[in-house]
Amino acid sequence: MLFSSLTFLFSFLPCLLFLYFIIPKQYIKLKNLLLLVFSLCFYA
């Protein structure tokens, strides 16, 4: 998956941003875990 692919732009990125911003600020470890999981899925 490339950063400019339609799959990334219209499904992967919006899901990540939605989940990231819906998590409250006090759960920073959960936010970091979410970013780690999405990064591993992206690179896989």
PDB file of N, CA and C in Angstrom:
ATOM      1  N   MET A   1       0.854  -1.170   0.000  1.00  0.00           N
ATOM      2  CA  MET A   1       0.000   0.000   0.000  1.00  0.00           C
ATOM      3  C   MET A   1       0.900   1.235   0.000  1.00  0.00           C
ATOM      4  N   LEU A   2       0.599   2.152  -0.872  1.00  0.00           N
ATOM      5  CA  LEU A   2       1.338   3.401  -0.952  1.00  0.00           C
ATOM      6  C   LEU A   2       0.551   4.520  -0.300  1.00  0.00           C
ATOM      7  N   PHE A   3       1.254   5.578   0.087  1.00  0.00           N
ATOM      8  CA  PHE A   3       0.581   6.726   0.699  1.00  0.00           C
ATOM      9  C   PHE A   3      -0.393   7.391  -0.262  1.00  0.00           C
ATOM     10  N   SER A   4      -0.145   7.271  -1.541  1.00  0.00           N
ATOM     11  CA  SER A   4      -1.008   7.931  -2.525  1.00  0.00           C
ATOM     12  C   SER A   4      -2.073   6.990  -3.092  1.00  0.00           C
ATOM     13  N   SER A   5      -2.153   5.758  -2.621  1.00  0.00           N
ATOM     14  CA  SER A   5      -3.150   4.827  -3.143  1.00  0.00           C
ATOM     15  C   SER A   5      -4.542   5.185  -2.615  1.00  0.00           C
ATOM     16  N   LEU A   6      -5.539   4.835  -3.378  1.00  0.00           N
ATOM     17  CA  LEU A   6      -6.911   5.137  -2.982  1.00  0.00           C
ATOM     18  C   LEU A   6      -7.330   4.344  -1.752  1.00  0.00           C
ATOM     19  N   THR A   7      -6.814   3.143  -1.603  1.00  0.00           N
ATOM     20  CA  THR A   7      -7.125   2.334  -0.422  1.00  0.00           C
ATOM     21  C   THR A   7      -6.639   3.020   0.839  1.00  0.00           C
ATOM     22  N   PHE A   8      -5.442   3.553   0.791  1.00  0.00           N
ATOM     23  CA  PHE A   8      -4.902   4.250   1.958  1.00  0.00           C
ATOM     24  C   PHE A   8      -5.666   5.536   2.233  1.00  0.00           C
ATOM     25  N   LEU A   9      -5.898   6.329   1.208  1.00  0.00           N
ATOM     26  CA  LEU A   9      -6.491   7.652   1.388  1.00  0.00           C
ATOM     27  C   LEU A   9      -7.954   7.617   1.819  1.00  0.00           C
ATOM     28  N   PHE A  10      -8.702   6.628   1.361  1.00  0.00           N
ATOM     29  CA  PHE A  10     -10.144   6.645   1.621  1.00  0.00           C
ATOM     30  C   PHE A  10     -10.627   5.576   2.591  1.00  0.00           C
ATOM     31  N   SER A  11      -9.750   4.694   3.064  1.00  0.00           N
ATOM     32  CA  SER A  11     -10.207   3.727   4.060  1.00  0.00           C
ATOM     33  C   SER A  11      -9.264   3.654   5.257  1.00  0.00           C
ATOM     34  N   PHE A  12      -7.992   3.431   5.001  1.00  0.00           N
ATOM     35  CA  PHE A  12      -7.034   3.235   6.083  1.00  0.00           C
ATOM     36  C   PHE A  12      -6.817   4.511   6.897  1.00  0.00           C
ATOM     37  N   LEU A  13      -6.505   5.592   6.245  1.00  0.00           N
ATOM     38  CA  LEU A  13      -6.236   6.864   6.924  1.00  0.00           C
ATOM     39  C   LEU A  13      -7.451   7.425   7.664  1.00  0.00           C
ATOM     40  N   PRO A  14      -8.636   7.456   7.063  1.00  0.00           N
ATOM     41  CA  PRO A  14      -9.799   7.955   7.830  1.00  0.00           C
ATOM     42  C   PRO A  14     -10.110   7.109   9.065  1.00  0.00           C
ATOM     43  N   CYS A  15      -9.967   5.790   8.966  1.00  0.00           N
ATOM     44  CA  CYS A  15     -10.209   4.929  10.136  1.00  0.00           C
ATOM     45  C   CYS A  15      -9.213   5.245  11.239  1.00  0.00           C
ATOM     46  N   LEU A  16      -7.967   5.378  10.877  1.00  0.00           N
ATOM     47  CA  LEU A  16      -6.935   5.695  11.865  1.00  0.00           C
ATOM     48  C   LEU A  16      -7.212   7.042  12.525  1.00  0.00           C
ATOM     49  N   LEU A  17      -7.476   8.056  11.756  1.00  0.00           N
ATOM     50  CA  LEU A  17      -7.715   9.384  12.314  1.00  0.00           C
ATOM     51  C   LEU A  17      -8.958   9.421  13.187  1.00  0.00           C
ATOM     52  N   PHE A  18     -10.007   8.748  12.753  1.00  0.00           N
ATOM     53  CA  PHE A  18     -11.228   8.712  13.552  1.00  0.00           C
ATOM     54  C   PHE A  18     -10.969   8.053  14.907  1.00  0.00           C
ATOM     55  N   LEU A  19     -10.334   6.892  14.891  1.00  0.00           N
ATOM     56  CA  LEU A  19     -10.066   6.185  16.145  1.00  0.00           C
ATOM     57  C   LEU A  19      -9.089   6.954  17.027  1.00  0.00           C
ATOM     58  N   TYR A  20      -8.103   7.579  16.412  1.00  0.00           N
ATOM     59  CA  TYR A  20      -7.108   8.319  17.190  1.00  0.00           C
ATOM     60  C   TYR A  20      -7.739   9.506  17.919  1.00  0.00           C
ATOM     61  N   PHE A  21      -8.580  10.253  17.233  1.00  0.00           N
ATOM     62  CA  PHE A  21      -9.146  11.457  17.832  1.00  0.00           C
ATOM     63  C   PHE A  21     -10.359  11.187  18.717  1.00  0.00           C
ATOM     64  N   ILE A  22     -10.927   9.995  18.635  1.00  0.00           N
ATOM     65  CA  ILE A  22     -12.061   9.669  19.505  1.00  0.00           C
ATOM     66  C   ILE A  22     -11.568   9.208  20.887  1.00  0.00           C
ATOM     67  N   ILE A  23     -10.315   8.776  20.971  1.00  0.00           N
ATOM     68  CA  ILE A  23      -9.745   8.343  22.249  1.00  0.00           C
ATOM     69  C   ILE A  23      -9.390   9.595  23.062  1.00  0.00           C
ATOM     70  N   PRO A  24      -9.815   9.667  24.323  1.00  0.00           N
ATOM     71  CA  PRO A  24      -9.509  10.844  25.152  1.00  0.00           C
ATOM     72  C   PRO A  24      -8.007  11.025  25.384  1.00  0.00           C
ATOM     73  N   LYS A  25      -7.619  12.257  25.702  1.00  0.00           N
ATOM     74  CA  LYS A  25      -6.200  12.592  25.851  1.00  0.00           C
ATOM     75  C   LYS A  25      -5.512  11.844  26.992  1.00  0.00           C
ATOM     76  N   GLN A  26      -6.243  11.488  28.034  1.00  0.00           N
ATOM     77  CA  GLN A  26      -5.597  10.833  29.175  1.00  0.00           C
ATOM     78  C   GLN A  26      -5.178   9.398  28.857  1.00  0.00           C
ATOM     79  N   TYR A  27      -5.630   8.836  27.751  1.00  0.00           N
ATOM     80  CA  TYR A  27      -5.251   7.474  27.360  1.00  0.00           C
ATOM     81  C   TYR A  27      -4.146   7.507  26.314  1.00  0.00           C
ATOM     82  N   ILE A  28      -3.046   8.150  26.632  1.00  0.00           N
ATOM     83  CA  ILE A  28      -1.950   8.311  25.666  1.00  0.00           C
ATOM     84  C   ILE A  28      -1.320   6.973  25.290  1.00  0.00           C
ATOM     85  N   LYS A  29      -1.281   6.034  26.237  1.00  0.00           N
ATOM     86  CA  LYS A  29      -0.715   4.719  25.915  1.00  0.00           C
ATOM     87  C   LYS A  29      -1.584   3.971  24.914  1.00  0.00           C
ATOM     88  N   LEU A  30      -2.885   4.134  25.032  1.00  0.00           N
ATOM     89  CA  LEU A  30      -3.792   3.509  24.073  1.00  0.00           C
ATOM     90  C   LEU A  30      -3.631   4.134  22.688  1.00  0.00           C
ATOM     91  N   LYS A  31      -3.421   5.436  22.658  1.00  0.00           N
ATOM     92  CA  LYS A  31      -3.188   6.114  21.375  1.00  0.00           C
ATOM     93  C   LYS A  31      -1.899   5.612  20.731  1.00  0.00           C
ATOM     94  N   ASN A  32      -0.866   5.461  21.543  1.00  0.00           N
ATOM     95  CA  ASN A  32       0.403   4.958  21.018  1.00  0.00           C
ATOM     96  C   ASN A  32       0.264   3.527  20.505  1.00  0.00           C
ATOM     97  N   LEU A  33      -0.487   2.715  21.221  1.00  0.00           N
ATOM     98  CA  LEU A  33      -0.724   1.340  20.785  1.00  0.00           C
ATOM     99  C   LEU A  33      -1.494   1.311  19.473  1.00  0.00           C
ATOM    100  N   LEU A  34      -2.484   2.178  19.359  1.00  0.00           N
ATOM    101  CA  LEU A  34      -3.255   2.272  18.117  1.00  0.00           C
ATOM    102  C   LEU A  34      -2.346   2.638  16.941  1.00  0.00           C
ATOM    103  N   LEU A  35      -1.476   3.611  17.143  1.00  0.00           N
ATOM    104  CA  LEU A  35      -0.548   4.000  16.079  1.00  0.00           C
ATOM    105  C   LEU A  35       0.409   2.867  15.728  1.00  0.00           C
ATOM    106  N   LEU A  36       0.860   2.129  16.726  1.00  0.00           N
ATOM    107  CA  LEU A  36       1.743   0.996  16.480  1.00  0.00           C
ATOM    108  C   LEU A  36       1.044  -0.073  15.652  1.00  0.00           C
ATOM    109  N   VAL A  37      -0.175  -0.411  16.027  1.00  0.00           N
ATOM    110  CA  VAL A  37      -0.923  -1.452  15.311  1.00  0.00           C
ATOM    111  C   VAL A  37      -1.195  -1.038  13.867  1.00  0.00           C
ATOM    112  N   PHE A  38      -1.619   0.201  13.671  1.00  0.00           N
ATOM    113  CA  PHE A  38      -1.888   0.661  12.303  1.00  0.00           C
ATOM    114  C   PHE A  38      -0.600   0.746  11.488  1.00  0.00           C
ATOM    115  N   SER A  39       0.503   1.101  12.119  1.00  0.00           N
ATOM    116  CA  SER A  39       1.774   1.151  11.404  1.00  0.00           C
ATOM    117  C   SER A  39       2.220  -0.237  10.973  1.00  0.00           C
ATOM    118  N   LEU A  40       2.051  -1.203  11.844  1.00  0.00           N
ATOM    119  CA  LEU A  40       2.424  -2.578  11.494  1.00  0.00           C
ATOM    120  C   LEU A  40       1.532  -3.119  10.373  1.00  0.00           C
ATOM    121  N   CYS A  41       0.255  -2.806  10.422  1.00  0.00           N
ATOM    122  CA  CYS A  41      -0.649  -3.227   9.345  1.00  0.00           C
ATOM    123  C   CYS A  41      -0.292  -2.549   8.024  1.00  0.00           C
ATOM    124  N   PHE A  42       0.094  -1.292   8.103  1.00  0.00           N
ATOM    125  CA  PHE A  42       0.467  -0.574   6.886  1.00  0.00           C
ATOM    126  C   PHE A  42       1.721  -1.176   6.255  1.00  0.00           C
ATOM    127  N   TYR A  43       2.722  -1.463   7.069  1.00  0.00           N
ATOM    128  CA  TYR A  43       3.969  -2.010   6.531  1.00  0.00           C
ATOM    129  C   TYR A  43       3.859  -3.457   6.119  1.00  0.00           C
ATOM    130  N   ALA A  44       2.878  -4.162   6.668  1.00  0.00           N
ATOM    131  CA  ALA A  44       2.674  -5.561   6.281  1.00  0.00           C
ATOM    132  C   ALA A  44       2.083  -5.592   4.884  1.00  0.00           C
TER     133      ALA A  44
END
